[in-house]
Amino acid sequence: MAIAVTAVIANSACHARDTALYPTQDCNKANTQLDLNQCAQANFESADRKLNEVYHAAMDAAGDDASRSQLRASERAWLSFRDQECARQVGPREGGGSIWPMNLASCLEDKTAQRIRELQKNL
């Protein structure tokens, strides 16, 4: 349980700087690991929705077909990188315990928030 609490506190610190990026739930209010997992997943989904919004704005701002094609290819490659990197960082589900879903969702959210900031720089 100490690991779960540490992860939530560390994750909450990351969310503090991302507050303006997208709405998040306060996972510190969760009472069980299941609640923590669901909260982390909800926060990742919120980040993913914001990423889609920013990506579409970037596509609209891209101007020409070549730029849009390049952005599309870049985004597909980035999504693959994000998913593979988080899988590597979190490790396999087997042996990951009940905290594994929270750790994966938190990694995905953190990387997605980084990508949102990157795309917003070019808008």
N, C-alpha and C. Protein backbone atom coordinates (compact mmCIF):
# COMPACT_ATOMS: atom_id res chain seq x y z
N MET A 1 0.82 -1.20 0.00
CA MET A 1 0.00 0.00 0.00
C MET A 1 0.86 1.26 0.00
N ALA A 2 2.03 1.19 0.63
CA ALA A 2 2.92 2.35 0.66
C ALA A 2 3.33 2.74 -0.75
N ILE A 3 3.54 1.74 -1.61
CA ILE A 3 3.91 2.03 -2.99
C ILE A 3 2.78 2.76 -3.68
N ALA A 4 1.55 2.33 -3.46
CA ALA A 4 0.40 2.97 -4.09
C ALA A 4 0.27 4.41 -3.64
N VAL A 5 0.45 4.65 -2.35
CA VAL A 5 0.34 6.01 -1.84
C VAL A 5 1.45 6.88 -2.42
N THR A 6 2.67 6.35 -2.47
CA THR A 6 3.79 7.10 -3.04
C THR A 6 3.52 7.43 -4.50
N ALA A 7 3.02 6.46 -5.25
CA ALA A 7 2.74 6.69 -6.66
C ALA A 7 1.66 7.75 -6.84
N VAL A 8 0.64 7.72 -6.00
CA VAL A 8 -0.44 8.71 -6.11
C VAL A 8 0.09 10.10 -5.78
N ILE A 9 0.90 10.20 -4.76
CA ILE A 9 1.44 11.51 -4.39
C ILE A 9 2.33 12.04 -5.50
N ALA A 10 3.20 11.20 -6.04
CA ALA A 10 4.07 11.61 -7.14
C ALA A 10 3.24 12.00 -8.35
N ASN A 11 2.21 11.22 -8.63
CA ASN A 11 1.36 11.50 -9.78
C ASN A 11 0.60 12.80 -9.57
N SER A 12 0.17 13.07 -8.35
CA SER A 12 -0.56 14.30 -8.07
C SER A 12 0.32 15.52 -8.29
N ALA A 13 1.59 15.40 -7.95
CA ALA A 13 2.51 16.51 -8.18
C ALA A 13 2.62 16.82 -9.66
N CYS A 14 2.63 15.78 -10.48
CA CYS A 14 2.68 15.98 -11.93
C CYS A 14 1.42 16.66 -12.42
N HIS A 15 0.28 16.29 -11.84
CA HIS A 15 -0.98 16.86 -12.30
C HIS A 15 -1.10 18.34 -11.96
N ALA A 16 -0.43 18.78 -10.91
CA ALA A 16 -0.54 20.18 -10.51
C ALA A 16 -0.11 21.09 -11.66
N ARG A 17 0.93 20.73 -12.38
CA ARG A 17 1.38 21.59 -13.47
C ARG A 17 0.52 21.43 -14.71
N ASP A 18 -0.28 20.34 -14.78
CA ASP A 18 -1.10 20.08 -15.95
C ASP A 18 -2.55 20.52 -15.77
N THR A 19 -2.86 21.16 -14.66
CA THR A 19 -4.23 21.52 -14.35
C THR A 19 -4.89 22.28 -15.49
N ALA A 20 -4.18 23.20 -16.09
CA ALA A 20 -4.77 24.01 -17.15
C ALA A 20 -4.88 23.25 -18.47
N LEU A 21 -4.16 22.15 -18.60
CA LEU A 21 -4.20 21.40 -19.86
C LEU A 21 -5.52 20.69 -20.07
N TYR A 22 -6.03 20.04 -19.04
CA TYR A 22 -7.26 19.25 -19.14
C TYR A 22 -7.76 18.97 -17.73
N PRO A 23 -9.06 18.69 -17.58
CA PRO A 23 -9.60 18.41 -16.25
C PRO A 23 -9.12 17.06 -15.73
N THR A 24 -8.80 17.01 -14.44
CA THR A 24 -8.40 15.75 -13.80
C THR A 24 -9.20 15.54 -12.52
N GLN A 25 -9.27 14.30 -12.12
CA GLN A 25 -9.86 13.94 -10.84
C GLN A 25 -8.77 13.96 -9.78
N ASP A 26 -9.13 14.21 -8.55
CA ASP A 26 -8.19 14.17 -7.43
C ASP A 26 -8.11 12.74 -6.92
N CYS A 27 -7.05 12.04 -7.33
CA CYS A 27 -6.89 10.64 -6.94
C CYS A 27 -6.52 10.47 -5.47
N ASN A 28 -6.17 11.55 -4.80
CA ASN A 28 -5.88 11.47 -3.36
C ASN A 28 -7.14 11.15 -2.56
N LYS A 29 -8.30 11.31 -3.15
CA LYS A 29 -9.56 11.00 -2.47
C LYS A 29 -9.94 9.53 -2.59
N ALA A 30 -9.19 8.77 -3.38
CA ALA A 30 -9.50 7.35 -3.59
C ALA A 30 -9.17 6.57 -2.31
N ASN A 31 -10.01 5.57 -2.03
CA ASN A 31 -9.83 4.79 -0.81
C ASN A 31 -9.29 3.39 -1.04
N THR A 32 -9.44 2.87 -2.23
CA THR A 32 -8.99 1.51 -2.52
C THR A 32 -8.13 1.52 -3.77
N GLN A 33 -7.41 0.43 -3.99
CA GLN A 33 -6.60 0.35 -5.20
C GLN A 33 -7.48 0.40 -6.45
N LEU A 34 -8.65 -0.23 -6.38
CA LEU A 34 -9.57 -0.16 -7.51
C LEU A 34 -9.95 1.29 -7.81
N ASP A 35 -10.23 2.06 -6.75
CA ASP A 35 -10.56 3.48 -6.94
C ASP A 35 -9.38 4.24 -7.55
N LEU A 36 -8.16 3.94 -7.08
CA LEU A 36 -6.96 4.57 -7.62
C LEU A 36 -6.79 4.24 -9.10
N ASN A 37 -7.00 2.96 -9.43
CA ASN A 37 -6.89 2.53 -10.83
C ASN A 37 -7.90 3.26 -11.71
N GLN A 38 -9.13 3.34 -11.25
CA GLN A 38 -10.18 4.00 -12.03
C GLN A 38 -9.91 5.50 -12.17
N CYS A 39 -9.42 6.11 -11.11
CA CYS A 39 -9.11 7.54 -11.16
C CYS A 39 -7.98 7.80 -12.16
N ALA A 40 -6.93 7.00 -12.08
CA ALA A 40 -5.80 7.17 -13.01
C ALA A 40 -6.25 6.97 -14.45
N GLN A 41 -7.11 5.99 -14.68
CA GLN A 41 -7.62 5.74 -16.03
C GLN A 41 -8.47 6.92 -16.52
N ALA A 42 -9.30 7.45 -15.63
CA ALA A 42 -10.14 8.60 -16.01
C ALA A 42 -9.27 9.81 -16.35
N ASN A 43 -8.19 10.02 -15.61
CA ASN A 43 -7.30 11.15 -15.90
C ASN A 43 -6.57 10.94 -17.23
N PHE A 44 -6.16 9.71 -17.51
CA PHE A 44 -5.54 9.44 -18.81
C PHE A 44 -6.54 9.70 -19.93
N GLU A 45 -7.77 9.24 -19.77
CA GLU A 45 -8.78 9.44 -20.81
C GLU A 45 -9.04 10.93 -21.04
N SER A 46 -9.02 11.72 -19.97
CA SER A 46 -9.20 13.17 -20.10
C SER A 46 -8.03 13.77 -20.89
N ALA A 47 -6.82 13.34 -20.58
CA ALA A 47 -5.65 13.81 -21.32
C ALA A 47 -5.73 13.40 -22.78
N ASP A 48 -6.18 12.18 -23.03
CA ASP A 48 -6.28 11.69 -24.40
C ASP A 48 -7.31 12.49 -25.20
N ARG A 49 -8.42 12.84 -24.56
CA ARG A 49 -9.43 13.68 -25.26
C ARG A 49 -8.83 15.04 -25.61
N LYS A 50 -8.07 15.62 -24.67
CA LYS A 50 -7.45 16.91 -24.93
C LYS A 50 -6.41 16.79 -26.04
N LEU A 51 -5.64 15.70 -26.03
CA LEU A 51 -4.66 15.49 -27.10
C LEU A 51 -5.35 15.45 -28.45
N ASN A 52 -6.46 14.75 -28.56
CA ASN A 52 -7.20 14.69 -29.83
C ASN A 52 -7.65 16.07 -30.27
N GLU A 53 -8.10 16.87 -29.31
CA GLU A 53 -8.54 18.23 -29.62
C GLU A 53 -7.36 19.08 -30.14
N VAL A 54 -6.24 19.00 -29.46
CA VAL A 54 -5.06 19.78 -29.85
C VAL A 54 -4.51 19.28 -31.19
N TYR A 55 -4.52 17.96 -31.38
CA TYR A 55 -4.04 17.38 -32.64
C TYR A 55 -4.89 17.90 -33.81
N HIS A 56 -6.21 17.92 -33.64
CA HIS A 56 -7.07 18.41 -34.73
C HIS A 56 -6.82 19.89 -34.99
N ALA A 57 -6.58 20.66 -33.94
CA ALA A 57 -6.26 22.07 -34.13
C ALA A 57 -4.93 22.21 -34.88
N ALA A 58 -3.97 21.37 -34.54
CA ALA A 58 -2.67 21.40 -35.23
C ALA A 58 -2.83 21.01 -36.70
N MET A 59 -3.69 20.04 -36.96
CA MET A 59 -3.95 19.64 -38.35
C MET A 59 -4.57 20.80 -39.12
N ASP A 60 -5.53 21.50 -38.50
CA ASP A 60 -6.17 22.64 -39.15
C ASP A 60 -5.16 23.75 -39.42
N ALA A 61 -4.21 23.92 -38.50
CA ALA A 61 -3.22 24.99 -38.63
C ALA A 61 -2.07 24.61 -39.56
N ALA A 62 -1.98 23.34 -39.91
CA ALA A 62 -0.83 22.85 -40.70
C ALA A 62 -0.73 23.52 -42.06
N GLY A 63 -1.84 23.91 -42.60
CA GLY A 63 -1.79 24.65 -43.87
C GLY A 63 -1.91 23.80 -45.11
N ASP A 64 -0.87 23.11 -45.49
CA ASP A 64 -0.91 22.36 -46.75
C ASP A 64 -0.96 20.85 -46.50
N ASP A 65 -1.25 20.11 -47.57
CA ASP A 65 -1.39 18.66 -47.47
C ASP A 65 -0.10 17.98 -47.01
N ALA A 66 1.04 18.47 -47.46
CA ALA A 66 2.32 17.86 -47.08
C ALA A 66 2.56 18.00 -45.57
N SER A 67 2.25 19.15 -45.03
CA SER A 67 2.42 19.37 -43.59
C SER A 67 1.47 18.51 -42.78
N ARG A 68 0.24 18.41 -43.24
CA ARG A 68 -0.75 17.56 -42.55
C ARG A 68 -0.33 16.10 -42.60
N SER A 69 0.17 15.66 -43.73
CA SER A 69 0.62 14.28 -43.87
C SER A 69 1.79 13.99 -42.94
N GLN A 70 2.69 14.94 -42.84
CA GLN A 70 3.84 14.79 -41.96
C GLN A 70 3.40 14.74 -40.49
N LEU A 71 2.47 15.61 -40.11
CA LEU A 71 1.96 15.62 -38.74
C LEU A 71 1.24 14.31 -38.42
N ARG A 72 0.44 13.83 -39.38
CA ARG A 72 -0.28 12.56 -39.19
C ARG A 72 0.71 11.41 -38.95
N ALA A 73 1.74 11.34 -39.76
CA ALA A 73 2.75 10.29 -39.60
C ALA A 73 3.49 10.44 -38.28
N SER A 74 3.80 11.66 -37.92
CA SER A 74 4.48 11.92 -36.66
C SER A 74 3.62 11.49 -35.47
N GLU A 75 2.35 11.81 -35.53
CA GLU A 75 1.44 11.47 -34.42
C GLU A 75 1.29 9.95 -34.29
N ARG A 76 1.17 9.26 -35.41
CA ARG A 76 1.08 7.80 -35.36
C ARG A 76 2.34 7.19 -34.76
N ALA A 77 3.49 7.69 -35.16
CA ALA A 77 4.75 7.19 -34.61
C ALA A 77 4.85 7.51 -33.12
N TRP A 78 4.41 8.70 -32.73
CA TRP A 78 4.47 9.09 -31.32
C TRP A 78 3.56 8.20 -30.49
N LEU A 79 2.34 7.92 -30.98
CA LEU A 79 1.42 7.06 -30.23
C LEU A 79 2.02 5.67 -30.00
N SER A 80 2.65 5.14 -31.03
CA SER A 80 3.31 3.84 -30.90
C SER A 80 4.44 3.92 -29.87
N PHE A 81 5.24 4.99 -29.95
CA PHE A 81 6.32 5.19 -28.98
C PHE A 81 5.77 5.26 -27.56
N ARG A 82 4.74 6.09 -27.36
CA ARG A 82 4.16 6.27 -26.03
C ARG A 82 3.73 4.94 -25.44
N ASP A 83 2.97 4.17 -26.22
CA ASP A 83 2.45 2.90 -25.72
C ASP A 83 3.58 1.91 -25.43
N GLN A 84 4.56 1.84 -26.30
CA GLN A 84 5.68 0.91 -26.08
C GLN A 84 6.56 1.34 -24.92
N GLU A 85 6.80 2.64 -24.80
CA GLU A 85 7.64 3.14 -23.71
C GLU A 85 6.97 2.93 -22.35
N CYS A 86 5.67 3.17 -22.27
CA CYS A 86 4.98 2.92 -21.00
C CYS A 86 4.95 1.43 -20.69
N ALA A 87 4.76 0.59 -21.69
CA ALA A 87 4.79 -0.86 -21.46
C ALA A 87 6.16 -1.27 -20.92
N ARG A 88 7.21 -0.67 -21.46
CA ARG A 88 8.56 -0.98 -20.99
C ARG A 88 8.76 -0.48 -19.56
N GLN A 89 8.33 0.75 -19.28
CA GLN A 89 8.54 1.32 -17.96
C GLN A 89 7.75 0.59 -16.88
N VAL A 90 6.53 0.23 -17.18
CA VAL A 90 5.65 -0.39 -16.18
C VAL A 90 5.90 -1.89 -16.08
N GLY A 91 6.31 -2.49 -17.17
CA GLY A 91 6.56 -3.93 -17.18
C GLY A 91 5.29 -4.72 -17.47
N PRO A 92 5.44 -6.03 -17.53
CA PRO A 92 4.29 -6.87 -17.87
C PRO A 92 3.23 -6.88 -16.78
N ARG A 93 2.01 -7.08 -17.18
CA ARG A 93 0.91 -7.12 -16.23
C ARG A 93 1.08 -8.27 -15.23
N GLU A 94 1.57 -9.39 -15.75
CA GLU A 94 1.80 -10.53 -14.87
C GLU A 94 2.86 -10.13 -13.86
N GLY A 95 2.56 -10.26 -12.62
CA GLY A 95 3.50 -9.91 -11.57
C GLY A 95 3.47 -8.43 -11.21
N GLY A 96 2.67 -7.65 -11.92
CA GLY A 96 2.59 -6.21 -11.65
C GLY A 96 1.67 -5.86 -10.50
N GLY A 97 0.90 -6.83 -10.05
CA GLY A 97 0.01 -6.60 -8.93
C GLY A 97 -1.17 -5.72 -9.25
N SER A 98 -1.90 -5.38 -8.21
CA SER A 98 -3.13 -4.61 -8.38
C SER A 98 -2.85 -3.15 -8.73
N ILE A 99 -1.62 -2.71 -8.55
CA ILE A 99 -1.25 -1.33 -8.85
C ILE A 99 -0.89 -1.14 -10.33
N TRP A 100 -0.70 -2.24 -11.05
CA TRP A 100 -0.26 -2.18 -12.44
C TRP A 100 -1.14 -1.28 -13.31
N PRO A 101 -2.48 -1.40 -13.25
CA PRO A 101 -3.30 -0.54 -14.11
C PRO A 101 -3.10 0.95 -13.81
N MET A 102 -2.94 1.30 -12.55
CA MET A 102 -2.72 2.69 -12.18
C MET A 102 -1.38 3.18 -12.72
N ASN A 103 -0.36 2.35 -12.58
CA ASN A 103 0.96 2.74 -13.07
C ASN A 103 0.95 2.94 -14.59
N LEU A 104 0.29 2.06 -15.31
CA LEU A 104 0.22 2.19 -16.77
C LEU A 104 -0.55 3.45 -17.15
N ALA A 105 -1.72 3.66 -16.55
CA ALA A 105 -2.53 4.83 -16.89
C ALA A 105 -1.78 6.12 -16.54
N SER A 106 -1.07 6.12 -15.45
CA SER A 106 -0.32 7.32 -15.05
C SER A 106 0.81 7.61 -16.03
N CYS A 107 1.50 6.59 -16.48
CA CYS A 107 2.55 6.77 -17.48
C CYS A 107 1.96 7.31 -18.78
N LEU A 108 0.87 6.70 -19.23
CA LEU A 108 0.24 7.15 -20.46
C LEU A 108 -0.22 8.59 -20.35
N GLU A 109 -0.77 8.94 -19.19
CA GLU A 109 -1.22 10.32 -18.99
C GLU A 109 -0.05 11.29 -19.01
N ASP A 110 1.03 10.96 -18.32
CA ASP A 110 2.18 11.85 -18.27
C ASP A 110 2.77 12.09 -19.67
N LYS A 111 2.91 11.03 -20.43
CA LYS A 111 3.46 11.17 -21.78
C LYS A 111 2.49 11.94 -22.68
N THR A 112 1.20 11.73 -22.49
CA THR A 112 0.19 12.43 -23.29
C THR A 112 0.21 13.92 -22.96
N ALA A 113 0.37 14.26 -21.69
CA ALA A 113 0.45 15.68 -21.29
C ALA A 113 1.67 16.33 -21.93
N GLN A 114 2.78 15.62 -21.99
CA GLN A 114 3.97 16.15 -22.65
C GLN A 114 3.69 16.43 -24.12
N ARG A 115 3.00 15.50 -24.76
CA ARG A 115 2.69 15.66 -26.19
C ARG A 115 1.74 16.84 -26.42
N ILE A 116 0.79 17.00 -25.54
CA ILE A 116 -0.13 18.14 -25.65
C ILE A 116 0.65 19.45 -25.66
N ARG A 117 1.59 19.56 -24.71
CA ARG A 117 2.40 20.78 -24.63
C ARG A 117 3.24 20.97 -25.90
N GLU A 118 3.79 19.88 -26.42
CA GLU A 118 4.58 19.97 -27.65
C GLU A 118 3.74 20.48 -28.82
N LEU A 119 2.56 19.91 -28.98
CA LEU A 119 1.71 20.32 -30.10
C LEU A 119 1.21 21.75 -29.92
N GLN A 120 0.92 22.13 -28.67
CA GLN A 120 0.42 23.49 -28.43
C GLN A 120 1.47 24.54 -28.76
N LYS A 121 2.74 24.21 -28.64
CA LYS A 121 3.81 25.17 -28.96
C LYS A 121 3.75 25.60 -30.43
N ASN A 122 3.22 24.73 -31.27
CA ASN A 122 3.20 24.99 -32.72
C ASN A 122 1.88 25.57 -33.20
N LEU A 123 0.98 25.86 -32.29
CA LEU A 123 -0.32 26.43 -32.71
C LEU A 123 -0.25 27.95 -32.78
